[in-house]
């Protein structure tokens, strides 16, 4: 955390109290800034225009389709498809290639 006030050795209790109050104000400012950023990120703004609703619907649909396509590809690649089961039983690729040459 960068502080504008330099860190000086404290000479009295008043110096400590002033530093404590300064840090408390800085923490409150940072806390307010984080609250504002958090609300901006995670609270959705309402769209009342039909074109915005349609655009959001299309974006959500494309994202769902993309997720389903990725899940299907991963399922087929890592244990779901019949091709994968056949190659598992043959051993590794090197032995399969060497057996074909003979």
PDB file of N, CA and C in Angstrom:
ATOM      1  N   UNK A   1       0.842  -1.172   0.000  1.00  0.00           N
ATOM      2  CA  UNK A   1       0.000   0.000   0.000  1.00  0.00           C
ATOM      3  C   UNK A   1       0.884   1.232   0.000  1.00  0.00           C
ATOM      4  N   UNK A   2       0.680   2.109  -0.942  1.00  0.00           N
ATOM      5  CA  UNK A   2       1.436   3.347  -0.982  1.00  0.00           C
ATOM      6  C   UNK A   2       0.757   4.362  -0.082  1.00  0.00           C
ATOM      7  N   UNK A   3       1.520   4.992   0.747  1.00  0.00           N
ATOM      8  CA  UNK A   3       0.944   6.052   1.562  1.00  0.00           C
ATOM      9  C   UNK A   3       1.643   7.355   1.215  1.00  0.00           C
ATOM     10  N   UNK A   4       0.871   8.411   1.202  1.00  0.00           N
ATOM     11  CA  UNK A   4       1.428   9.711   0.855  1.00  0.00           C
ATOM     12  C   UNK A   4       2.231  10.285   2.010  1.00  0.00           C
ATOM     13  N   UNK A   5       1.852   9.912   3.213  1.00  0.00           N
ATOM     14  CA  UNK A   5       2.542  10.416   4.388  1.00  0.00           C
ATOM     15  C   UNK A   5       3.759   9.539   4.653  1.00  0.00           C
ATOM     16  N   UNK A   6       4.943  10.132   4.750  1.00  0.00           N
ATOM     17  CA  UNK A   6       6.132   9.312   4.967  1.00  0.00           C
ATOM     18  C   UNK A   6       6.118   8.676   6.352  1.00  0.00           C
ATOM     19  N   UNK A   7       6.768   7.558   6.447  1.00  0.00           N
ATOM     20  CA  UNK A   7       6.836   6.827   7.696  1.00  0.00           C
ATOM     21  C   UNK A   7       7.982   7.399   8.530  1.00  0.00           C
ATOM     22  N   UNK A   8       7.623   8.181   9.524  1.00  0.00           N
ATOM     23  CA  UNK A   8       8.622   8.813  10.386  1.00  0.00           C
ATOM     24  C   UNK A   8       8.606   8.150  11.757  1.00  0.00           C
ATOM     25  N   UNK A   9       9.696   8.210  12.450  1.00  0.00           N
ATOM     26  CA  UNK A   9       9.673   7.643  13.805  1.00  0.00           C
ATOM     27  C   UNK A   9       8.730   8.460  14.691  1.00  0.00           C
ATOM     28  N   UNK A  10       7.985   7.776  15.485  1.00  0.00           N
ATOM     29  CA  UNK A  10       7.014   8.424  16.364  1.00  0.00           C
ATOM     30  C   UNK A  10       7.728   8.960  17.596  1.00  0.00           C
ATOM     31  N   UNK A  11       7.389  10.201  17.970  1.00  0.00           N
ATOM     32  CA  UNK A  11       8.034  10.818  19.127  1.00  0.00           C
ATOM     33  C   UNK A  11       7.082  10.955  20.305  1.00  0.00           C
ATOM     34  N   UNK A  12       5.783  10.843  20.028  1.00  0.00           N
ATOM     35  CA  UNK A  12       4.826  10.983  21.125  1.00  0.00           C
ATOM     36  C   UNK A  12       3.573  10.179  20.808  1.00  0.00           C
ATOM     37  N   UNK A  13       2.686  10.085  21.781  1.00  0.00           N
ATOM     38  CA  UNK A  13       1.413   9.395  21.571  1.00  0.00           C
ATOM     39  C   UNK A  13       0.539  10.136  20.558  1.00  0.00           C
ATOM     40  N   UNK A  14       0.669  11.438  20.504  1.00  0.00           N
ATOM     41  CA  UNK A  14      -0.105  12.212  19.523  1.00  0.00           C
ATOM     42  C   UNK A  14       0.304  11.860  18.099  1.00  0.00           C
ATOM     43  N   UNK A  15       1.596  11.626  17.880  1.00  0.00           N
ATOM     44  CA  UNK A  15       2.051  11.198  16.552  1.00  0.00           C
ATOM     45  C   UNK A  15       1.430   9.862  16.166  1.00  0.00           C
ATOM     46  N   UNK A  16       1.351   8.966  17.122  1.00  0.00           N
ATOM     47  CA  UNK A  16       0.756   7.642  16.865  1.00  0.00           C
ATOM     48  C   UNK A  16      -0.729   7.786  16.576  1.00  0.00           C
ATOM     49  N   UNK A  17      -1.411   8.626  17.347  1.00  0.00           N
ATOM     50  CA  UNK A  17      -2.851   8.835  17.121  1.00  0.00           C
ATOM     51  C   UNK A  17      -3.115   9.449  15.747  1.00  0.00           C
ATOM     52  N   UNK A  18      -2.284  10.414  15.357  1.00  0.00           N
ATOM     53  CA  UNK A  18      -2.459  11.037  14.038  1.00  0.00           C
ATOM     54  C   UNK A  18      -2.246  10.024  12.920  1.00  0.00           C
ATOM     55  N   UNK A  19      -1.213   9.221  13.068  1.00  0.00           N
ATOM     56  CA  UNK A  19      -0.939   8.185  12.049  1.00  0.00           C
ATOM     57  C   UNK A  19      -2.087   7.179  11.986  1.00  0.00           C
ATOM     58  N   UNK A  20      -2.595   6.803  13.145  1.00  0.00           N
ATOM     59  CA  UNK A  20      -3.712   5.849  13.206  1.00  0.00           C
ATOM     60  C   UNK A  20      -4.955   6.427  12.525  1.00  0.00           C
ATOM     61  N   UNK A  21      -5.241   7.682  12.769  1.00  0.00           N
ATOM     62  CA  UNK A  21      -6.396   8.323  12.145  1.00  0.00           C
ATOM     63  C   UNK A  21      -6.205   8.442  10.626  1.00  0.00           C
ATOM     64  N   UNK A  22      -4.991   8.745  10.208  1.00  0.00           N
ATOM     65  CA  UNK A  22      -4.694   8.823   8.779  1.00  0.00           C
ATOM     66  C   UNK A  22      -4.919   7.465   8.108  1.00  0.00           C
ATOM     67  N   UNK A  23      -4.418   6.426   8.716  1.00  0.00           N
ATOM     68  CA  UNK A  23      -4.587   5.084   8.148  1.00  0.00           C
ATOM     69  C   UNK A  23      -6.050   4.666   8.139  1.00  0.00           C
ATOM     70  N   UNK A  24      -6.785   5.039   9.174  1.00  0.00           N
ATOM     71  CA  UNK A  24      -8.215   4.717   9.221  1.00  0.00           C
ATOM     72  C   UNK A  24      -8.959   5.394   8.076  1.00  0.00           C
ATOM     73  N   UNK A  25      -8.640   6.664   7.792  1.00  0.00           N
ATOM     74  CA  UNK A  25      -9.286   7.358   6.672  1.00  0.00           C
ATOM     75  C   UNK A  25      -8.937   6.712   5.332  1.00  0.00           C
ATOM     76  N   UNK A  26      -7.678   6.332   5.174  1.00  0.00           N
ATOM     77  CA  UNK A  26      -7.255   5.670   3.938  1.00  0.00           C
ATOM     78  C   UNK A  26      -7.974   4.335   3.755  1.00  0.00           C
ATOM     79  N   UNK A  27      -8.129   3.570   4.821  1.00  0.00           N
ATOM     80  CA  UNK A  27      -8.838   2.285   4.732  1.00  0.00           C
ATOM     81  C   UNK A  27     -10.302   2.487   4.363  1.00  0.00           C
ATOM     82  N   UNK A  28     -10.918   3.516   4.912  1.00  0.00           N
ATOM     83  CA  UNK A  28     -12.315   3.792   4.565  1.00  0.00           C
ATOM     84  C   UNK A  28     -12.450   4.154   3.090  1.00  0.00           C
ATOM     85  N   UNK A  29     -11.513   4.955   2.571  1.00  0.00           N
ATOM     86  CA  UNK A  29     -11.548   5.314   1.148  1.00  0.00           C
ATOM     87  C   UNK A  29     -11.373   4.071   0.275  1.00  0.00           C
ATOM     88  N   UNK A  30     -10.404   3.232   0.630  1.00  0.00           N
ATOM     89  CA  UNK A  30     -10.170   2.008  -0.135  1.00  0.00           C
ATOM     90  C   UNK A  30     -11.372   1.079  -0.078  1.00  0.00           C
ATOM     91  N   UNK A  31     -11.985   0.980   1.101  1.00  0.00           N
ATOM     92  CA  UNK A  31     -13.160   0.126   1.261  1.00  0.00           C
ATOM     93  C   UNK A  31     -14.308   0.620   0.384  1.00  0.00           C
ATOM     94  N   UNK A  32     -14.520   1.930   0.366  1.00  0.00           N
ATOM     95  CA  UNK A  32     -15.581   2.490  -0.473  1.00  0.00           C
ATOM     96  C   UNK A  32     -15.293   2.240  -1.949  1.00  0.00           C
ATOM     97  N   UNK A  33     -14.039   2.387  -2.336  1.00  0.00           N
ATOM     98  CA  UNK A  33     -13.656   2.141  -3.731  1.00  0.00           C
ATOM     99  C   UNK A  33     -13.888   0.680  -4.111  1.00  0.00           C
ATOM    100  N   UNK A  34     -13.528  -0.243  -3.227  1.00  0.00           N
ATOM    101  CA  UNK A  34     -13.740  -1.667  -3.510  1.00  0.00           C
ATOM    102  C   UNK A  34     -15.225  -2.001  -3.597  1.00  0.00           C
ATOM    103  N   UNK A  35     -16.051  -1.406  -2.736  1.00  0.00           N
ATOM    104  CA  UNK A  35     -17.498  -1.642  -2.797  1.00  0.00           C
ATOM    105  C   UNK A  35     -18.066  -1.192  -4.133  1.00  0.00           C
ATOM    106  N   UNK A  36     -17.620  -0.029  -4.584  1.00  0.00           N
ATOM    107  CA  UNK A  36     -18.104   0.503  -5.863  1.00  0.00           C
ATOM    108  C   UNK A  36     -17.704  -0.410  -7.013  1.00  0.00           C
ATOM    109  N   UNK A  37     -16.461  -0.861  -7.022  1.00  0.00           N
ATOM    110  CA  UNK A  37     -15.994  -1.749  -8.090  1.00  0.00           C
ATOM    111  C   UNK A  37     -16.701  -3.094  -8.037  1.00  0.00           C
ATOM    112  N   UNK A  38     -16.918  -3.641  -6.850  1.00  0.00           N
ATOM    113  CA  UNK A  38     -17.598  -4.928  -6.690  1.00  0.00           C
ATOM    114  C   UNK A  38     -19.020  -4.840  -7.236  1.00  0.00           C
ATOM    115  N   UNK A  39     -19.728  -3.784  -6.845  1.00  0.00           N
ATOM    116  CA  UNK A  39     -21.106  -3.621  -7.326  1.00  0.00           C
ATOM    117  C   UNK A  39     -21.144  -3.432  -8.835  1.00  0.00           C
ATOM    118  N   UNK A  40     -20.171  -2.756  -9.380  1.00  0.00           N
ATOM    119  CA  UNK A  40     -20.126  -2.567 -10.828  1.00  0.00           C
ATOM    120  C   UNK A  40     -19.871  -3.868 -11.575  1.00  0.00           C
ATOM    121  N   UNK A  41     -19.108  -4.773 -10.965  1.00  0.00           N
ATOM    122  CA  UNK A  41     -18.798  -6.038 -11.632  1.00  0.00           C
ATOM    123  C   UNK A  41     -19.925  -7.047 -11.532  1.00  0.00           C
ATOM    124  N   UNK A  42     -20.538  -7.171 -10.379  1.00  0.00           N
ATOM    125  CA  UNK A  42     -21.412  -8.311 -10.127  1.00  0.00           C
ATOM    126  C   UNK A  42     -22.900  -8.000 -10.047  1.00  0.00           C
ATOM    127  N   UNK A  43     -23.284  -6.766 -10.128  1.00  0.00           N
ATOM    128  CA  UNK A  43     -24.712  -6.457 -10.147  1.00  0.00           C
ATOM    129  C   UNK A  43     -25.093  -6.021 -11.543  1.00  0.00           C
ATOM    130  N   UNK A  44     -26.043  -6.747 -12.091  1.00  0.00           N
ATOM    131  CA  UNK A  44     -26.426  -6.557 -13.478  1.00  0.00           C
ATOM    132  C   UNK A  44     -27.301  -5.318 -13.634  1.00  0.00           C
ATOM    133  N   UNK A  45     -27.062  -4.584 -14.690  1.00  0.00           N
ATOM    134  CA  UNK A  45     -27.921  -3.462 -15.009  1.00  0.00           C
ATOM    135  C   UNK A  45     -29.094  -3.974 -15.836  1.00  0.00           C
ATOM    136  N   UNK A  46     -30.261  -3.426 -15.576  1.00  0.00           N
ATOM    137  CA  UNK A  46     -31.455  -3.843 -16.303  1.00  0.00           C
ATOM    138  C   UNK A  46     -31.478  -3.189 -17.682  1.00  0.00           C
ATOM    139  N   UNK A  47     -31.728  -3.991 -18.704  1.00  0.00           N
ATOM    140  CA  UNK A  47     -31.853  -3.491 -20.071  1.00  0.00           C
ATOM    141  C   UNK A  47     -33.317  -3.506 -20.463  1.00  0.00           C
ATOM    142  N   UNK A  48     -33.851  -2.351 -20.756  1.00  0.00           N
ATOM    143  CA  UNK A  48     -35.272  -2.254 -21.085  1.00  0.00           C
ATOM    144  C   UNK A  48     -35.543  -2.237 -22.584  1.00  0.00           C
ATOM    145  N   UNK A  49     -34.533  -1.982 -23.376  1.00  0.00           N
ATOM    146  CA  UNK A  49     -34.752  -1.925 -24.816  1.00  0.00           C
ATOM    147  C   UNK A  49     -34.851  -3.334 -25.390  1.00  0.00           C
ATOM    148  N   UNK A  50     -35.795  -3.569 -26.309  1.00  0.00           N
ATOM    149  CA  UNK A  50     -35.928  -4.903 -26.897  1.00  0.00           C
ATOM    150  C   UNK A  50     -34.674  -5.356 -27.642  1.00  0.00           C
ATOM    151  N   UNK A  51     -33.978  -4.434 -28.279  1.00  0.00           N
ATOM    152  CA  UNK A  51     -32.769  -4.820 -29.007  1.00  0.00           C
ATOM    153  C   UNK A  51     -31.678  -5.300 -28.047  1.00  0.00           C
ATOM    154  N   UNK A  52     -31.579  -4.677 -26.870  1.00  0.00           N
ATOM    155  CA  UNK A  52     -30.584  -5.115 -25.888  1.00  0.00           C
ATOM    156  C   UNK A  52     -30.954  -6.481 -25.319  1.00  0.00           C
ATOM    157  N   UNK A  53     -32.234  -6.707 -25.069  1.00  0.00           N
ATOM    158  CA  UNK A  53     -32.664  -8.020 -24.561  1.00  0.00           C
ATOM    159  C   UNK A  53     -32.380  -9.101 -25.585  1.00  0.00           C
ATOM    160  N   UNK A  54     -32.651  -8.823 -26.868  1.00  0.00           N
ATOM    161  CA  UNK A  54     -32.390  -9.800 -27.921  1.00  0.00           C
ATOM    162  C   UNK A  54     -30.897 -10.072 -28.038  1.00  0.00           C
ATOM    163  N   UNK A  55     -30.097  -9.015 -27.962  1.00  0.00           N
ATOM    164  CA  UNK A  55     -28.648  -9.167 -28.033  1.00  0.00           C
ATOM    165  C   UNK A  55     -28.139 -10.016 -26.869  1.00  0.00           C
ATOM    166  N   UNK A  56     -28.630  -9.766 -25.669  1.00  0.00           N
ATOM    167  CA  UNK A  56     -28.236 -10.568 -24.508  1.00  0.00           C
ATOM    168  C   UNK A  56     -28.673 -12.020 -24.667  1.00  0.00           C
ATOM    169  N   UNK A  57     -29.857 -12.223 -25.219  1.00  0.00           N
ATOM    170  CA  UNK A  57     -30.354 -13.583 -25.443  1.00  0.00           C
ATOM    171  C   UNK A  57     -29.462 -14.332 -26.423  1.00  0.00           C
ATOM    172  N   UNK A  58     -29.059 -13.666 -27.508  1.00  0.00           N
ATOM    173  CA  UNK A  58     -28.197 -14.300 -28.500  1.00  0.00           C
ATOM    174  C   UNK A  58     -26.811 -14.590 -27.916  1.00  0.00           C
ATOM    175  N   UNK A  59     -26.283 -13.667 -27.129  1.00  0.00           N
ATOM    176  CA  UNK A  59     -24.973 -13.873 -26.513  1.00  0.00           C
ATOM    177  C   UNK A  59     -25.014 -15.049 -25.548  1.00  0.00           C
ATOM    178  N   UNK A  60     -26.074 -15.119 -24.743  1.00  0.00           N
ATOM    179  CA  UNK A  60     -26.210 -16.226 -23.799  1.00  0.00           C
ATOM    180  C   UNK A  60     -26.377 -17.544 -24.538  1.00  0.00           C
ATOM    181  N   UNK A  61     -27.164 -17.551 -25.593  1.00  0.00           N
ATOM    182  CA  UNK A  61     -27.355 -18.768 -26.382  1.00  0.00           C
ATOM    183  C   UNK A  61     -26.064 -19.248 -27.013  1.00  0.00           C
ATOM    184  N   UNK A  62     -25.286 -18.318 -27.552  1.00  0.00           N
ATOM    185  CA  UNK A  62     -24.002 -18.690 -28.159  1.00  0.00           C
ATOM    186  C   UNK A  62     -23.047 -19.237 -27.104  1.00  0.00           C
ATOM    187  N   UNK A  63     -23.050 -18.659 -25.914  1.00  0.00           N
ATOM    188  CA  UNK A  63     -22.178 -19.139 -24.836  1.00  0.00           C
ATOM    189  C   UNK A  63     -22.572 -20.540 -24.386  1.00  0.00           C
ATOM    190  N   UNK A  64     -23.872 -20.786 -24.274  1.00  0.00           N
ATOM    191  CA  UNK A  64     -24.346 -22.116 -23.884  1.00  0.00           C
ATOM    192  C   UNK A  64     -23.982 -23.142 -24.951  1.00  0.00           C
ATOM    193  N   UNK A  65     -24.185 -22.793 -26.213  1.00  0.00           N
ATOM    194  CA  UNK A  65     -23.827 -23.702 -27.311  1.00  0.00           C
ATOM    195  C   UNK A  65     -22.333 -24.006 -27.306  1.00  0.00           C
ATOM    196  N   UNK A  66     -21.518 -22.975 -27.104  1.00  0.00           N
ATOM    197  CA  UNK A  66     -20.075 -23.159 -27.061  1.00  0.00           C
ATOM    198  C   UNK A  66     -19.674 -24.069 -25.897  1.00  0.00           C
ATOM    199  N   UNK A  67     -20.297 -23.891 -24.747  1.00  0.00           N
ATOM    200  CA  UNK A  67     -20.012 -24.745 -23.597  1.00  0.00           C
ATOM    201  C   UNK A  67     -20.400 -26.188 -23.850  1.00  0.00           C
ATOM    202  N   UNK A  68     -21.561 -26.394 -24.464  1.00  0.00           N
ATOM    203  CA  UNK A  68     -21.996 -27.763 -24.770  1.00  0.00           C
ATOM    204  C   UNK A  68     -21.070 -28.427 -25.790  1.00  0.00           C
ATOM    205  N   UNK A  69     -20.658 -27.669 -26.787  1.00  0.00           N
ATOM    206  CA  UNK A  69     -19.734 -28.200 -27.789  1.00  0.00           C
ATOM    207  C   UNK A  69     -18.394 -28.574 -27.155  1.00  0.00           C
ATOM    208  N   UNK A  70     -17.888 -27.736 -26.270  1.00  0.00           N
ATOM    209  CA  UNK A  70     -16.643 -28.046 -25.568  1.00  0.00           C
ATOM    210  C   UNK A  70     -16.805 -29.296 -24.704  1.00  0.00           C
ATOM    211  N   UNK A  71     -17.915 -29.404 -23.994  1.00  0.00           N
ATOM    212  CA  UNK A  71     -18.144 -30.583 -23.156  1.00  0.00           C
ATOM    213  C   UNK A  71     -18.209 -31.849 -24.004  1.00  0.00           C
ATOM    214  N   UNK A  72     -18.863 -31.777 -25.157  1.00  0.00           N
ATOM    215  CA  UNK A  72     -18.964 -32.949 -26.040  1.00  0.00           C
ATOM    216  C   UNK A  72     -17.585 -33.364 -26.559  1.00  0.00           C
ATOM    217  N   UNK A  73     -16.789 -32.371 -26.957  1.00  0.00           N
ATOM    218  CA  UNK A  73     -15.444 -32.686 -27.450  1.00  0.00           C
ATOM    219  C   UNK A  73     -14.579 -33.303 -26.356  1.00  0.00           C
ATOM    220  N   UNK A  74     -14.646 -32.759 -25.152  1.00  0.00           N
ATOM    221  CA  UNK A  74     -13.869 -33.320 -24.050  1.00  0.00           C
ATOM    222  C   UNK A  74     -14.345 -34.722 -23.679  1.00  0.00           C
ATOM    223  N   UNK A  75     -15.646 -34.942 -23.724  1.00  0.00           N
ATOM    224  CA  UNK A  75     -16.197 -36.261 -23.418  1.00  0.00           C
ATOM    225  C   UNK A  75     -15.689 -37.292 -24.424  1.00  0.00           C
ATOM    226  N   UNK A  76     -15.727 -36.930 -25.694  1.00  0.00           N
ATOM    227  CA  UNK A  76     -15.251 -37.860 -26.725  1.00  0.00           C
ATOM    228  C   UNK A  76     -13.745 -38.058 -26.659  1.00  0.00           C
ATOM    229  N   UNK A  77     -13.015 -37.048 -26.299  1.00  0.00           N
ATOM    230  CA  UNK A  77     -11.557 -37.147 -26.272  1.00  0.00           C
ATOM    231  C   UNK A  77     -11.061 -37.942 -25.067  1.00  0.00           C
ATOM    232  N   UNK A  78     -11.673 -37.766 -23.926  1.00  0.00           N
ATOM    233  CA  UNK A  78     -11.133 -38.336 -22.697  1.00  0.00           C
ATOM    234  C   UNK A  78     -12.003 -39.427 -22.101  1.00  0.00           C
ATOM    235  N   UNK A  79     -12.587 -40.281 -22.902  1.00  0.00           N
ATOM    236  CA  UNK A  79     -13.193 -41.458 -22.321  1.00  0.00           C
ATOM    237  C   UNK A  79     -14.617 -41.749 -22.698  1.00  0.00           C
ATOM    238  N   UNK A  80     -15.203 -41.018 -23.595  1.00  0.00           N
ATOM    239  CA  UNK A  80     -16.588 -41.282 -23.909  1.00  0.00           C
ATOM    240  C   UNK A  80     -16.803 -42.012 -25.211  1.00  0.00           C
ATOM    241  N   UNK A  81     -16.009 -41.730 -26.203  1.00  0.00           N
ATOM    242  CA  UNK A  81     -16.234 -42.260 -27.539  1.00  0.00           C
ATOM    243  C   UNK A  81     -15.734 -43.682 -27.720  1.00  0.00           C
ATOM    244  N   UNK A  82     -16.267 -44.367 -28.736  1.00  0.00           N
ATOM    245  CA  UNK A  82     -15.871 -45.751 -28.990  1.00  0.00           C
ATOM    246  C   UNK A  82     -14.457 -45.833 -29.561  1.00  0.00           C
ATOM    247  N   UNK A  83     -14.006 -44.813 -30.292  1.00  0.00           N
ATOM    248  CA  UNK A  83     -12.653 -44.812 -30.836  1.00  0.00           C
ATOM    249  C   UNK A  83     -11.622 -44.882 -29.707  1.00  0.00           C
ATOM    250  N   UNK A  84     -11.866 -44.157 -28.664  1.00  0.00           N
ATOM    251  CA  UNK A  84     -10.922 -44.095 -27.555  1.00  0.00           C
ATOM    252  C   UNK A  84     -10.793 -45.466 -26.885  1.00  0.00           C
ATOM    253  N   UNK A  85     -11.872 -46.171 -26.745  1.00  0.00           N
ATOM    254  CA  UNK A  85     -11.835 -47.485 -26.091  1.00  0.00           C
ATOM    255  C   UNK A  85     -11.019 -48.482 -26.914  1.00  0.00           C
ATOM    256  N   UNK A  86     -11.139 -48.413 -28.228  1.00  0.00           N
ATOM    257  CA  UNK A  86     -10.387 -49.341 -29.084  1.00  0.00           C
ATOM    258  C   UNK A  86      -8.892 -49.090 -29.016  1.00  0.00           C
ATOM    259  N   UNK A  87      -8.469 -47.834 -28.974  1.00  0.00           N
ATOM    260  CA  UNK A  87      -7.038 -47.548 -28.941  1.00  0.00           C
ATOM    261  C   UNK A  87      -6.436 -47.820 -27.578  1.00  0.00           C
ATOM    262  N   UNK A  88      -7.231 -47.789 -26.526  1.00  0.00           N
ATOM    263  CA  UNK A  88      -6.702 -48.070 -25.193  1.00  0.00           C
ATOM    264  C   UNK A  88      -6.192 -49.504 -25.094  1.00  0.00           C
ATOM    265  N   UNK A  89      -6.899 -50.421 -25.691  1.00  0.00           N
ATOM    266  CA  UNK A  89      -6.556 -51.824 -25.553  1.00  0.00           C
ATOM    267  C   UNK A  89      -5.343 -52.234 -26.392  1.00  0.00           C
ATOM    268  N   UNK A  90      -4.992 -51.462 -27.392  1.00  0.00           N
ATOM    269  CA  UNK A  90      -3.883 -51.824 -28.270  1.00  0.00           C
ATOM    270  C   UNK A  90      -2.527 -51.497 -27.651  1.00  0.00           C
ATOM    271  N   UNK A  91      -2.473 -50.722 -26.640  1.00  0.00           N
ATOM    272  CA  UNK A  91      -1.204 -50.320 -26.062  1.00  0.00           C
ATOM    273  C   UNK A  91      -0.831 -48.936 -26.539  1.00  0.00           C
ATOM    274  N   UNK A  92       0.427 -48.610 -26.444  1.00  0.00           N
ATOM    275  CA  UNK A  92       0.814 -47.263 -26.828  1.00  0.00           C
ATOM    276  C   UNK A  92       1.000 -47.165 -28.343  1.00  0.00           C
ATOM    277  N   UNK A  93       1.169 -45.987 -28.818  1.00  0.00           N
ATOM    278  CA  UNK A  93       1.235 -45.707 -30.246  1.00  0.00           C
ATOM    279  C   UNK A  93       2.482 -46.318 -30.886  1.00  0.00           C
ATOM    280  N   UNK A  94       3.577 -46.305 -30.185  1.00  0.00           N
ATOM    281  CA  UNK A  94       4.822 -46.833 -30.739  1.00  0.00           C
ATOM    282  C   UNK A  94       4.707 -48.337 -31.029  1.00  0.00           C
ATOM    283  N   UNK A  95       4.149 -49.095 -30.124  1.00  0.00           N
ATOM    284  CA  UNK A  95       4.001 -50.536 -30.370  1.00  0.00           C
ATOM    285  C   UNK A  95       3.017 -50.801 -31.494  1.00  0.00           C
ATOM    286  N   UNK A  96       1.977 -49.968 -31.612  1.00  0.00           N
ATOM    287  CA  UNK A  96       1.016 -50.140 -32.701  1.00  0.00           C
ATOM    288  C   UNK A  96       1.677 -49.884 -34.050  1.00  0.00           C
ATOM    289  N   UNK A  97       2.514 -48.871 -34.141  1.00  0.00           N
ATOM    290  CA  UNK A  97       3.189 -48.568 -35.406  1.00  0.00           C
ATOM    291  C   UNK A  97       4.214 -49.644 -35.763  1.00  0.00           C
ATOM    292  N   UNK A  98       4.931 -50.130 -34.767  1.00  0.00           N
ATOM    293  CA  UNK A  98       5.931 -51.156 -35.035  1.00  0.00           C
ATOM    294  C   UNK A  98       5.286 -52.470 -35.448  1.00  0.00           C
ATOM    295  N   UNK A  99       4.143 -52.805 -34.898  1.00  0.00           N
ATOM    296  CA  UNK A  99       3.466 -54.054 -35.267  1.00  0.00           C
ATOM    297  C   UNK A  99       2.899 -53.992 -36.688  1.00  0.00           C
ATOM    298  N   UNK A 100       2.549 -52.797 -37.169  1.00  0.00           N
ATOM    299  CA  UNK A 100       2.015 -52.647 -38.534  1.00  0.00           C
ATOM    300  C   UNK A 100       3.099 -52.839 -39.575  1.00  0.00           C
ATOM    301  N   UNK A 101       4.326 -52.509 -39.289  1.00  0.00           N
ATOM    302  CA  UNK A 101       5.415 -52.603 -40.267  1.00  0.00           C
ATOM    303  C   UNK A 101       5.799 -54.044 -40.546  1.00  0.00           C
ATOM    304  N   UNK A 102       5.580 -54.914 -39.631  1.00  0.00           N
ATOM    305  CA  UNK A 102       5.993 -56.317 -39.812  1.00  0.00           C
ATOM    306  C   UNK A 102       5.076 -57.047 -40.677  1.00  0.00           C
TER     307      UNK A 102
END
